[in-house]
Amino acid sequence: MSISFKWRYIPLIRLGLKTETRRLRRPRLRVGGIYPLRVGRRLLPDRVRILNIYPQRLGDVTEEDAHREGFQSLGEFRKAWLDIYHSWDDEQQIWVIEFRYLGERFKE
């Protein structure tokens, strides 16, 4: 099991600027679990620990949430969401995954 991101987000994760991600479906990840990052089919040596997973309405995403997503503003987050998912519905339930970057080749 791994957690997938687009290439453009990997540097933000490595710098600790992106500590959350939002998805349409609840991921098959376990809180407390350690997972490698994946871009497309490529597994990276980087690992993250899942800190929390919870539902949120898309319309309830705040500026602070957008910053934890690695964006400068809520508007920037919204644009990226639309680029990926092609729609924005304030009432839609999404899933928030909070994580901490552990580094490359992390071993417990």
PDB file of N, CA and C in Angstrom:
ATOM      1  N   MET A   1       0.850  -1.177   0.000  1.00  0.00           N
ATOM      2  CA  MET A   1       0.000   0.000   0.000  1.00  0.00           C
ATOM      3  C   MET A   1       0.894   1.238   0.000  1.00  0.00           C
ATOM      4  N   SER A   2       0.467   2.263  -0.719  1.00  0.00           N
ATOM      5  CA  SER A   2       1.213   3.518  -0.831  1.00  0.00           C
ATOM      6  C   SER A   2       0.206   4.665  -0.940  1.00  0.00           C
ATOM      7  N   ILE A   3       0.727   5.883  -0.939  1.00  0.00           N
ATOM      8  CA  ILE A   3      -0.129   7.056  -1.111  1.00  0.00           C
ATOM      9  C   ILE A   3       0.389   7.840  -2.319  1.00  0.00           C
ATOM     10  N   SER A   4      -0.521   8.109  -3.242  1.00  0.00           N
ATOM     11  CA  SER A   4      -0.161   8.678  -4.533  1.00  0.00           C
ATOM     12  C   SER A   4      -0.279  10.203  -4.552  1.00  0.00           C
ATOM     13  N   PHE A   5       0.691  10.840  -5.193  1.00  0.00           N
ATOM     14  CA  PHE A   5       0.699  12.288  -5.378  1.00  0.00           C
ATOM     15  C   PHE A   5       1.181  12.606  -6.783  1.00  0.00           C
ATOM     16  N   LYS A   6       0.909  13.809  -7.230  1.00  0.00           N
ATOM     17  CA  LYS A   6       1.480  14.310  -8.468  1.00  0.00           C
ATOM     18  C   LYS A   6       2.899  14.799  -8.164  1.00  0.00           C
ATOM     19  N   TRP A   7       3.765  14.759  -9.181  1.00  0.00           N
ATOM     20  CA  TRP A   7       5.169  15.149  -8.993  1.00  0.00           C
ATOM     21  C   TRP A   7       5.307  16.522  -8.360  1.00  0.00           C
ATOM     22  N   ARG A   8       4.443  17.461  -8.762  1.00  0.00           N
ATOM     23  CA  ARG A   8       4.595  18.834  -8.289  1.00  0.00           C
ATOM     24  C   ARG A   8       4.453  18.968  -6.774  1.00  0.00           C
ATOM     25  N   TYR A   9       3.845  17.978  -6.116  1.00  0.00           N
ATOM     26  CA  TYR A   9       3.656  18.065  -4.668  1.00  0.00           C
ATOM     27  C   TYR A   9       4.787  17.419  -3.862  1.00  0.00           C
ATOM     28  N   ILE A  10       5.611  16.627  -4.477  1.00  0.00           N
ATOM     29  CA  ILE A  10       6.674  15.917  -3.742  1.00  0.00           C
ATOM     30  C   ILE A  10       7.641  16.887  -3.063  1.00  0.00           C
ATOM     31  N   PRO A  11       8.154  17.927  -3.737  1.00  0.00           N
ATOM     32  CA  PRO A  11       9.045  18.866  -3.037  1.00  0.00           C
ATOM     33  C   PRO A  11       8.367  19.544  -1.839  1.00  0.00           C
ATOM     34  N   LEU A  12       7.074  19.857  -1.950  1.00  0.00           N
ATOM     35  CA  LEU A  12       6.351  20.478  -0.838  1.00  0.00           C
ATOM     36  C   LEU A  12       6.250  19.527   0.348  1.00  0.00           C
ATOM     37  N   ILE A  13       6.037  18.250   0.070  1.00  0.00           N
ATOM     38  CA  ILE A  13       5.982  17.246   1.132  1.00  0.00           C
ATOM     39  C   ILE A  13       7.352  17.130   1.790  1.00  0.00           C
ATOM     40  N   ARG A  14       8.398  17.034   0.989  1.00  0.00           N
ATOM     41  CA  ARG A  14       9.759  16.893   1.521  1.00  0.00           C
ATOM     42  C   ARG A  14      10.165  18.085   2.385  1.00  0.00           C
ATOM     43  N   LEU A  15       9.675  19.274   2.053  1.00  0.00           N
ATOM     44  CA  LEU A  15       9.993  20.482   2.817  1.00  0.00           C
ATOM     45  C   LEU A  15       9.065  20.687   4.022  1.00  0.00           C
ATOM     46  N   GLY A  16       8.087  19.816   4.174  1.00  0.00           N
ATOM     47  CA  GLY A  16       7.141  19.943   5.280  1.00  0.00           C
ATOM     48  C   GLY A  16       6.096  21.018   5.059  1.00  0.00           C
ATOM     49  N   LEU A  17       5.942  21.490   3.815  1.00  0.00           N
ATOM     50  CA  LEU A  17       4.957  22.521   3.502  1.00  0.00           C
ATOM     51  C   LEU A  17       3.590  21.932   3.163  1.00  0.00           C
ATOM     52  N   LYS A  18       3.556  20.674   2.785  1.00  0.00           N
ATOM     53  CA  LYS A  18       2.310  19.958   2.522  1.00  0.00           C
ATOM     54  C   LYS A  18       2.204  18.839   3.544  1.00  0.00           C
ATOM     55  N   THR A  19       1.230  18.959   4.460  1.00  0.00           N
ATOM     56  CA  THR A  19       1.072  17.976   5.533  1.00  0.00           C
ATOM     57  C   THR A  19      -0.321  17.348   5.526  1.00  0.00           C
ATOM     58  N   GLU A  20      -1.130  17.731   4.526  1.00  0.00           N
ATOM     59  CA  GLU A  20      -2.456  17.156   4.369  1.00  0.00           C
ATOM     60  C   GLU A  20      -2.742  16.961   2.894  1.00  0.00           C
ATOM     61  N   THR A  21      -3.648  16.040   2.619  1.00  0.00           N
ATOM     62  CA  THR A  21      -4.175  15.876   1.274  1.00  0.00           C
ATOM     63  C   THR A  21      -5.646  15.550   1.399  1.00  0.00           C
ATOM     64  N   ARG A  22      -6.409  15.942   0.409  1.00  0.00           N
ATOM     65  CA  ARG A  22      -7.848  15.685   0.396  1.00  0.00           C
ATOM     66  C   ARG A  22      -8.188  14.833  -0.810  1.00  0.00           C
ATOM     67  N   ARG A  23      -9.060  13.860  -0.589  1.00  0.00           N
ATOM     68  CA  ARG A  23      -9.426  12.911  -1.632  1.00  0.00           C
ATOM     69  C   ARG A  23     -10.932  12.720  -1.666  1.00  0.00           C
ATOM     70  N   LEU A  24     -11.438  12.263  -2.815  1.00  0.00           N
ATOM     71  CA  LEU A  24     -12.873  12.008  -2.969  1.00  0.00           C
ATOM     72  C   LEU A  24     -13.337  10.809  -2.150  1.00  0.00           C
ATOM     73  N   ARG A  25     -12.490   9.807  -2.045  1.00  0.00           N
ATOM     74  CA  ARG A  25     -12.873   8.569  -1.348  1.00  0.00           C
ATOM     75  C   ARG A  25     -11.977   8.342  -0.139  1.00  0.00           C
ATOM     76  N   ARG A  26     -12.522   7.653   0.841  1.00  0.00           N
ATOM     77  CA  ARG A  26     -11.710   7.310   2.009  1.00  0.00           C
ATOM     78  C   ARG A  26     -10.601   6.373   1.553  1.00  0.00           C
ATOM     79  N   PRO A  27      -9.374   6.729   1.873  1.00  0.00           N
ATOM     80  CA  PRO A  27      -8.254   5.886   1.438  1.00  0.00           C
ATOM     81  C   PRO A  27      -8.162   4.614   2.277  1.00  0.00           C
ATOM     82  N   ARG A  28      -7.555   3.610   1.709  1.00  0.00           N
ATOM     83  CA  ARG A  28      -7.359   2.353   2.426  1.00  0.00           C
ATOM     84  C   ARG A  28      -6.030   2.418   3.175  1.00  0.00           C
ATOM     85  N   LEU A  29      -5.930   3.407   4.031  1.00  0.00           N
ATOM     86  CA  LEU A  29      -4.731   3.642   4.835  1.00  0.00           C
ATOM     87  C   LEU A  29      -5.125   3.533   6.297  1.00  0.00           C
ATOM     88  N   ARG A  30      -4.151   3.222   7.136  1.00  0.00           N
ATOM     89  CA  ARG A  30      -4.399   3.069   8.568  1.00  0.00           C
ATOM     90  C   ARG A  30      -3.738   4.220   9.316  1.00  0.00           C
ATOM     91  N   VAL A  31      -4.485   4.855  10.226  1.00  0.00           N
ATOM     92  CA  VAL A  31      -3.900   5.891  11.072  1.00  0.00           C
ATOM     93  C   VAL A  31      -2.759   5.260  11.867  1.00  0.00           C
ATOM     94  N   GLY A  32      -1.608   5.905  11.851  1.00  0.00           N
ATOM     95  CA  GLY A  32      -0.410   5.376  12.505  1.00  0.00           C
ATOM     96  C   GLY A  32       0.479   4.584  11.558  1.00  0.00           C
ATOM     97  N   GLY A  33      -0.059   4.216  10.409  1.00  0.00           N
ATOM     98  CA  GLY A  33       0.712   3.441   9.438  1.00  0.00           C
ATOM     99  C   GLY A  33       1.744   4.293   8.717  1.00  0.00           C
ATOM    100  N   ILE A  34       2.786   3.630   8.245  1.00  0.00           N
ATOM    101  CA  ILE A  34       3.845   4.284   7.473  1.00  0.00           C
ATOM    102  C   ILE A  34       3.753   3.767   6.042  1.00  0.00           C
ATOM    103  N   TYR A  35       3.722   4.710   5.094  1.00  0.00           N
ATOM    104  CA  TYR A  35       3.511   4.360   3.694  1.00  0.00           C
ATOM    105  C   TYR A  35       4.501   5.087   2.793  1.00  0.00           C
ATOM    106  N   PRO A  36       4.919   4.416   1.714  1.00  0.00           N
ATOM    107  CA  PRO A  36       5.759   5.095   0.726  1.00  0.00           C
ATOM    108  C   PRO A  36       4.924   6.031  -0.141  1.00  0.00           C
ATOM    109  N   LEU A  37       5.576   7.038  -0.676  1.00  0.00           N
ATOM    110  CA  LEU A  37       4.933   7.918  -1.640  1.00  0.00           C
ATOM    111  C   LEU A  37       5.038   7.280  -3.015  1.00  0.00           C
ATOM    112  N   ARG A  38       4.033   7.553  -3.840  1.00  0.00           N
ATOM    113  CA  ARG A  38       4.014   7.024  -5.197  1.00  0.00           C
ATOM    114  C   ARG A  38       3.621   8.149  -6.137  1.00  0.00           C
ATOM    115  N   VAL A  39       4.268   8.184  -7.290  1.00  0.00           N
ATOM    116  CA  VAL A  39       3.895   9.094  -8.370  1.00  0.00           C
ATOM    117  C   VAL A  39       3.635   8.213  -9.581  1.00  0.00           C
ATOM    118  N   GLY A  40       2.371   8.177 -10.023  1.00  0.00           N
ATOM    119  CA  GLY A  40       2.009   7.244 -11.088  1.00  0.00           C
ATOM    120  C   GLY A  40       2.256   5.825 -10.590  1.00  0.00           C
ATOM    121  N   ARG A  41       3.040   5.065 -11.338  1.00  0.00           N
ATOM    122  CA  ARG A  41       3.376   3.695 -10.920  1.00  0.00           C
ATOM    123  C   ARG A  41       4.703   3.615 -10.182  1.00  0.00           C
ATOM    124  N   ARG A  42       5.367   4.765 -10.053  1.00  0.00           N
ATOM    125  CA  ARG A  42       6.706   4.779  -9.468  1.00  0.00           C
ATOM    126  C   ARG A  42       6.656   4.975  -7.952  1.00  0.00           C
ATOM    127  N   LEU A  43       7.167   3.994  -7.220  1.00  0.00           N
ATOM    128  CA  LEU A  43       7.301   4.111  -5.768  1.00  0.00           C
ATOM    129  C   LEU A  43       8.563   4.901  -5.473  1.00  0.00           C
ATOM    130  N   LEU A  44       8.444   5.855  -4.557  1.00  0.00           N
ATOM    131  CA  LEU A  44       9.593   6.654  -4.141  1.00  0.00           C
ATOM    132  C   LEU A  44      10.138   6.107  -2.827  1.00  0.00           C
ATOM    133  N   PRO A  45      11.367   6.442  -2.475  1.00  0.00           N
ATOM    134  CA  PRO A  45      11.920   5.980  -1.202  1.00  0.00           C
ATOM    135  C   PRO A  45      11.366   6.755  -0.009  1.00  0.00           C
ATOM    136  N   ASP A  46      10.636   7.819  -0.261  1.00  0.00           N
ATOM    137  CA  ASP A  46      10.088   8.670   0.797  1.00  0.00           C
ATOM    138  C   ASP A  46       8.952   7.976   1.531  1.00  0.00           C
ATOM    139  N   ARG A  47       8.880   8.228   2.845  1.00  0.00           N
ATOM    140  CA  ARG A  47       7.830   7.635   3.678  1.00  0.00           C
ATOM    141  C   ARG A  47       7.101   8.719   4.455  1.00  0.00           C
ATOM    142  N   VAL A  48       5.802   8.474   4.688  1.00  0.00           N
ATOM    143  CA  VAL A  48       4.996   9.337   5.550  1.00  0.00           C
ATOM    144  C   VAL A  48       4.271   8.473   6.568  1.00  0.00           C
ATOM    145  N   ARG A  49       3.998   9.069   7.725  1.00  0.00           N
ATOM    146  CA  ARG A  49       3.158   8.416   8.738  1.00  0.00           C
ATOM    147  C   ARG A  49       1.798   9.102   8.704  1.00  0.00           C
ATOM    148  N   ILE A  50       0.739   8.314   8.657  1.00  0.00           N
ATOM    149  CA  ILE A  50      -0.616   8.835   8.652  1.00  0.00           C
ATOM    150  C   ILE A  50      -1.001   9.197  10.089  1.00  0.00           C
ATOM    151  N   LEU A  51      -1.355  10.459  10.298  1.00  0.00           N
ATOM    152  CA  LEU A  51      -1.692  10.953  11.634  1.00  0.00           C
ATOM    153  C   LEU A  51      -3.189  10.941  11.904  1.00  0.00           C
ATOM    154  N   ASN A  52      -3.986  11.182  10.855  1.00  0.00           N
ATOM    155  CA  ASN A  52      -5.434  11.237  11.045  1.00  0.00           C
ATOM    156  C   ASN A  52      -6.109  11.145   9.677  1.00  0.00           C
ATOM    157  N   ILE A  53      -7.306  10.603   9.675  1.00  0.00           N
ATOM    158  CA  ILE A  53      -8.143  10.547   8.477  1.00  0.00           C
ATOM    159  C   ILE A  53      -9.553  10.886   8.932  1.00  0.00           C
ATOM    160  N   TYR A  54     -10.177  11.879   8.283  1.00  0.00           N
ATOM    161  CA  TYR A  54     -11.527  12.253   8.688  1.00  0.00           C
ATOM    162  C   TYR A  54     -12.280  12.882   7.515  1.00  0.00           C
ATOM    163  N   PRO A  55     -13.623  12.840   7.562  1.00  0.00           N
ATOM    164  CA  PRO A  55     -14.428  13.441   6.491  1.00  0.00           C
ATOM    165  C   PRO A  55     -14.562  14.949   6.691  1.00  0.00           C
ATOM    166  N   GLN A  56     -14.797  15.631   5.580  1.00  0.00           N
ATOM    167  CA  GLN A  56     -15.008  17.074   5.593  1.00  0.00           C
ATOM    168  C   GLN A  56     -15.871  17.427   4.381  1.00  0.00           C
ATOM    169  N   ARG A  57     -16.694  18.452   4.507  1.00  0.00           N
ATOM    170  CA  ARG A  57     -17.411  18.962   3.336  1.00  0.00           C
ATOM    171  C   ARG A  57     -16.433  19.807   2.525  1.00  0.00           C
ATOM    172  N   LEU A  58     -16.474  19.674   1.220  1.00  0.00           N
ATOM    173  CA  LEU A  58     -15.573  20.452   0.369  1.00  0.00           C
ATOM    174  C   LEU A  58     -15.748  21.948   0.613  1.00  0.00           C
ATOM    175  N   GLY A  59     -16.967  22.387   0.849  1.00  0.00           N
ATOM    176  CA  GLY A  59     -17.231  23.793   1.116  1.00  0.00           C
ATOM    177  C   GLY A  59     -16.706  24.288   2.451  1.00  0.00           C
ATOM    178  N   ASP A  60     -16.297  23.380   3.335  1.00  0.00           N
ATOM    179  CA  ASP A  60     -15.761  23.756   4.645  1.00  0.00           C
ATOM    180  C   ASP A  60     -14.242  23.899   4.651  1.00  0.00           C
ATOM    181  N   VAL A  61     -13.588  23.664   3.524  1.00  0.00           N
ATOM    182  CA  VAL A  61     -12.125  23.824   3.453  1.00  0.00           C
ATOM    183  C   VAL A  61     -11.800  25.300   3.676  1.00  0.00           C
ATOM    184  N   THR A  62     -10.853  25.564   4.581  1.00  0.00           N
ATOM    185  CA  THR A  62     -10.489  26.935   4.965  1.00  0.00           C
ATOM    186  C   THR A  62      -9.155  27.351   4.348  1.00  0.00           C
ATOM    187  N   GLU A  63      -8.831  28.610   4.515  1.00  0.00           N
ATOM    188  CA  GLU A  63      -7.510  29.114   4.098  1.00  0.00           C
ATOM    189  C   GLU A  63      -6.402  28.326   4.794  1.00  0.00           C
ATOM    190  N   GLU A  64      -6.578  28.068   6.091  1.00  0.00           N
ATOM    191  CA  GLU A  64      -5.576  27.316   6.850  1.00  0.00           C
ATOM    192  C   GLU A  64      -5.426  25.896   6.303  1.00  0.00           C
ATOM    193  N   ASP A  65      -6.546  25.274   5.938  1.00  0.00           N
ATOM    194  CA  ASP A  65      -6.502  23.946   5.321  1.00  0.00           C
ATOM    195  C   ASP A  65      -5.704  24.015   4.020  1.00  0.00           C
ATOM    196  N   ALA A  66      -5.971  25.046   3.216  1.00  0.00           N
ATOM    197  CA  ALA A  66      -5.268  25.203   1.941  1.00  0.00           C
ATOM    198  C   ALA A  66      -3.760  25.339   2.170  1.00  0.00           C
ATOM    199  N   HIS A  67      -3.356  26.056   3.221  1.00  0.00           N
ATOM    200  CA  HIS A  67      -1.935  26.194   3.535  1.00  0.00           C
ATOM    201  C   HIS A  67      -1.326  24.840   3.917  1.00  0.00           C
ATOM    202  N   ARG A  68      -2.069  24.041   4.707  1.00  0.00           N
ATOM    203  CA  ARG A  68      -1.561  22.709   5.076  1.00  0.00           C
ATOM    204  C   ARG A  68      -1.498  21.787   3.863  1.00  0.00           C
ATOM    205  N   GLU A  69      -2.272  22.116   2.832  1.00  0.00           N
ATOM    206  CA  GLU A  69      -2.232  21.379   1.559  1.00  0.00           C
ATOM    207  C   GLU A  69      -1.032  21.816   0.708  1.00  0.00           C
ATOM    208  N   GLY A  70      -0.352  22.886   1.142  1.00  0.00           N
ATOM    209  CA  GLY A  70       0.811  23.367   0.407  1.00  0.00           C
ATOM    210  C   GLY A  70       0.513  24.509  -0.551  1.00  0.00           C
ATOM    211  N   PHE A  71      -0.689  25.095  -0.433  1.00  0.00           N
ATOM    212  CA  PHE A  71      -1.077  26.183  -1.329  1.00  0.00           C
ATOM    213  C   PHE A  71      -0.974  27.522  -0.617  1.00  0.00           C
ATOM    214  N   GLN A  72      -0.841  28.581  -1.395  1.00  0.00           N
ATOM    215  CA  GLN A  72      -0.756  29.939  -0.861  1.00  0.00           C
ATOM    216  C   GLN A  72      -2.125  30.484  -0.452  1.00  0.00           C
ATOM    217  N   SER A  73      -3.184  29.942  -1.058  1.00  0.00           N
ATOM    218  CA  SER A  73      -4.527  30.463  -0.778  1.00  0.00           C
ATOM    219  C   SER A  73      -5.577  29.390  -1.048  1.00  0.00           C
ATOM    220  N   LEU A  74      -6.778  29.660  -0.553  1.00  0.00           N
ATOM    221  CA  LEU A  74      -7.904  28.772  -0.821  1.00  0.00           C
ATOM    222  C   LEU A  74      -8.236  28.784  -2.308  1.00  0.00           C
ATOM    223  N   GLY A  75      -8.102  29.928  -2.945  1.00  0.00           N
ATOM    224  CA  GLY A  75      -8.345  30.022  -4.383  1.00  0.00           C
ATOM    225  C   GLY A  75      -7.402  29.138  -5.184  1.00  0.00           C
ATOM    226  N   GLU A  76      -6.137  29.099  -4.756  1.00  0.00           N
ATOM    227  CA  GLU A  76      -5.152  28.249  -5.430  1.00  0.00           C
ATOM    228  C   GLU A  76      -5.501  26.769  -5.234  1.00  0.00           C
ATOM    229  N   PHE A  77      -5.929  26.409  -4.006  1.00  0.00           N
ATOM    230  CA  PHE A  77      -6.354  25.036  -3.737  1.00  0.00           C
ATOM    231  C   PHE A  77      -7.551  24.669  -4.621  1.00  0.00           C
ATOM    232  N   ARG A  78      -8.522  25.578  -4.681  1.00  0.00           N
ATOM    233  CA  ARG A  78      -9.728  25.319  -5.474  1.00  0.00           C
ATOM    234  C   ARG A  78      -9.371  25.084  -6.944  1.00  0.00           C
ATOM    235  N   LYS A  79      -8.470  25.889  -7.492  1.00  0.00           N
ATOM    236  CA  LYS A  79      -8.045  25.730  -8.888  1.00  0.00           C
ATOM    237  C   LYS A  79      -7.403  24.354  -9.095  1.00  0.00           C
ATOM    238  N   ALA A  80      -6.535  23.948  -8.168  1.00  0.00           N
ATOM    239  CA  ALA A  80      -5.881  22.641  -8.273  1.00  0.00           C
ATOM    240  C   ALA A  80      -6.915  21.518  -8.173  1.00  0.00           C
ATOM    241  N   TRP A  81      -7.893  21.660  -7.260  1.00  0.00           N
ATOM    242  CA  TRP A  81      -8.954  20.651  -7.119  1.00  0.00           C
ATOM    243  C   TRP A  81      -9.717  20.501  -8.431  1.00  0.00           C
ATOM    244  N   LEU A  82     -10.076  21.640  -9.026  1.00  0.00           N
ATOM    245  CA  LEU A  82     -10.807  21.616 -10.293  1.00  0.00           C
ATOM    246  C   LEU A  82      -9.965  21.006 -11.414  1.00  0.00           C
ATOM    247  N   ASP A  83      -8.663  21.252 -11.413  1.00  0.00           N
ATOM    248  CA  ASP A  83      -7.776  20.652 -12.414  1.00  0.00           C
ATOM    249  C   ASP A  83      -7.766  19.126 -12.298  1.00  0.00           C
ATOM    250  N   ILE A  84      -7.832  18.627 -11.066  1.00  0.00           N
ATOM    251  CA  ILE A  84      -7.753  17.180 -10.830  1.00  0.00           C
ATOM    252  C   ILE A  84      -9.124  16.512 -10.977  1.00  0.00           C
ATOM    253  N   TYR A  85     -10.147  17.077 -10.327  1.00  0.00           N
ATOM    254  CA  TYR A  85     -11.456  16.414 -10.236  1.00  0.00           C
ATOM    255  C   TYR A  85     -12.530  17.005 -11.156  1.00  0.00           C
ATOM    256  N   HIS A  86     -12.279  18.164 -11.757  1.00  0.00           N
ATOM    257  CA  HIS A  86     -13.154  18.782 -12.758  1.00  0.00           C
ATOM    258  C   HIS A  86     -14.501  19.259 -12.227  1.00  0.00           C
ATOM    259  N   SER A  87     -14.687  19.302 -10.916  1.00  0.00           N
ATOM    260  CA  SER A  87     -15.922  19.860 -10.370  1.00  0.00           C
ATOM    261  C   SER A  87     -15.691  20.291  -8.924  1.00  0.00           C
ATOM    262  N   TRP A  88     -16.535  21.195  -8.470  1.00  0.00           N
ATOM    263  CA  TRP A  88     -16.491  21.663  -7.080  1.00  0.00           C
ATOM    264  C   TRP A  88     -17.930  21.751  -6.595  1.00  0.00           C
ATOM    265  N   ASP A  89     -18.260  20.961  -5.578  1.00  0.00           N
ATOM    266  CA  ASP A  89     -19.591  20.976  -4.971  1.00  0.00           C
ATOM    267  C   ASP A  89     -19.396  21.184  -3.474  1.00  0.00           C
ATOM    268  N   ASP A  90     -19.808  22.348  -2.971  1.00  0.00           N
ATOM    269  CA  ASP A  90     -19.622  22.668  -1.551  1.00  0.00           C
ATOM    270  C   ASP A  90     -20.172  21.591  -0.624  1.00  0.00           C
ATOM    271  N   GLU A  91     -21.200  20.868  -1.058  1.00  0.00           N
ATOM    272  CA  GLU A  91     -21.845  19.860  -0.207  1.00  0.00           C
ATOM    273  C   GLU A  91     -21.165  18.488  -0.280  1.00  0.00           C
ATOM    274  N   GLN A  92     -20.250  18.310  -1.192  1.00  0.00           N
ATOM    275  CA  GLN A  92     -19.617  17.003  -1.365  1.00  0.00           C
ATOM    276  C   GLN A  92     -18.748  16.648  -0.161  1.00  0.00           C
ATOM    277  N   GLN A  93     -18.904  15.421   0.332  1.00  0.00           N
ATOM    278  CA  GLN A  93     -18.030  14.936   1.397  1.00  0.00           C
ATOM    279  C   GLN A  93     -16.735  14.449   0.769  1.00  0.00           C
ATOM    280  N   ILE A  94     -15.628  14.898   1.338  1.00  0.00           N
ATOM    281  CA  ILE A  94     -14.305  14.457   0.916  1.00  0.00           C
ATOM    282  C   ILE A  94     -13.585  13.915   2.142  1.00  0.00           C
ATOM    283  N   TRP A  95     -12.381  13.395   1.942  1.00  0.00           N
ATOM    284  CA  TRP A  95     -11.604  12.818   3.037  1.00  0.00           C
ATOM    285  C   TRP A  95     -10.289  13.553   3.185  1.00  0.00           C
ATOM    286  N   VAL A  96      -9.980  13.910   4.423  1.00  0.00           N
ATOM    287  CA  VAL A  96      -8.730  14.586   4.752  1.00  0.00           C
ATOM    288  C   VAL A  96      -7.767  13.556   5.312  1.00  0.00           C
ATOM    289  N   ILE A  97      -6.552  13.536   4.780  1.00  0.00           N
ATOM    290  CA  ILE A  97      -5.497  12.670   5.289  1.00  0.00           C
ATOM    291  C   ILE A  97      -4.381  13.568   5.809  1.00  0.00           C
ATOM    292  N   GLU A  98      -4.171  13.551   7.120  1.00  0.00           N
ATOM    293  CA  GLU A  98      -3.067  14.293   7.728  1.00  0.00           C
ATOM    294  C   GLU A  98      -1.884  13.348   7.816  1.00  0.00           C
ATOM    295  N   PHE A  99      -0.689  13.849   7.488  1.00  0.00           N
ATOM    296  CA  PHE A  99       0.495  12.993   7.523  1.00  0.00           C
ATOM    297  C   PHE A  99       1.720  13.789   7.944  1.00  0.00           C
ATOM    298  N   ARG A 100       2.754  13.065   8.330  1.00  0.00           N
ATOM    299  CA  ARG A 100       4.054  13.664   8.656  1.00  0.00           C
ATOM    300  C   ARG A 100       5.111  12.993   7.788  1.00  0.00           C
ATOM    301  N   TYR A 101       5.917  13.809   7.162  1.00  0.00           N
ATOM    302  CA  TYR A 101       6.996  13.289   6.316  1.00  0.00           C
ATOM    303  C   TYR A 101       8.095  12.706   7.209  1.00  0.00           C
ATOM    304  N   LEU A 102       8.518  11.493   6.905  1.00  0.00           N
ATOM    305  CA  LEU A 102       9.533  10.803   7.707  1.00  0.00           C
ATOM    306  C   LEU A 102      10.893  10.768   7.030  1.00  0.00           C
ATOM    307  N   GLY A 103      10.938  11.099   5.762  1.00  0.00           N
ATOM    308  CA  GLY A 103      12.206  11.082   5.046  1.00  0.00           C
ATOM    309  C   GLY A 103      12.291   9.916   4.082  1.00  0.00           C
ATOM    310  N   GLU A 104      13.466   9.789   3.485  1.00  0.00           N
ATOM    311  CA  GLU A 104      13.711   8.705   2.549  1.00  0.00           C
ATOM    312  C   GLU A 104      14.203   7.478   3.286  1.00  0.00           C
ATOM    313  N   ARG A 105      13.755   6.317   2.806  1.00  0.00           N
ATOM    314  CA  ARG A 105      14.220   5.041   3.329  1.00  0.00           C
ATOM    315  C   ARG A 105      14.060   4.930   4.843  1.00  0.00           C
ATOM    316  N   PHE A 106      12.993   5.505   5.375  1.00  0.00           N
ATOM    317  CA  PHE A 106      12.711   5.448   6.814  1.00  0.00           C
ATOM    318  C   PHE A 106      12.447   4.014   7.235  1.00  0.00           C
ATOM    319  N   LYS A 107      13.049   3.602   8.312  1.00  0.00           N
ATOM    320  CA  LYS A 107      12.823   2.272   8.892  1.00  0.00           C
ATOM    321  C   LYS A 107      12.335   2.460  10.329  1.00  0.00           C
ATOM    322  N   GLU A 108      11.340   1.668  10.710  1.00  0.00           N
ATOM    323  CA  GLU A 108      10.850   1.753  12.090  1.00  0.00           C
ATOM    324  C   GLU A 108      11.846   1.107  13.029  1.00  0.00           C
TER     325      GLU A 108
END
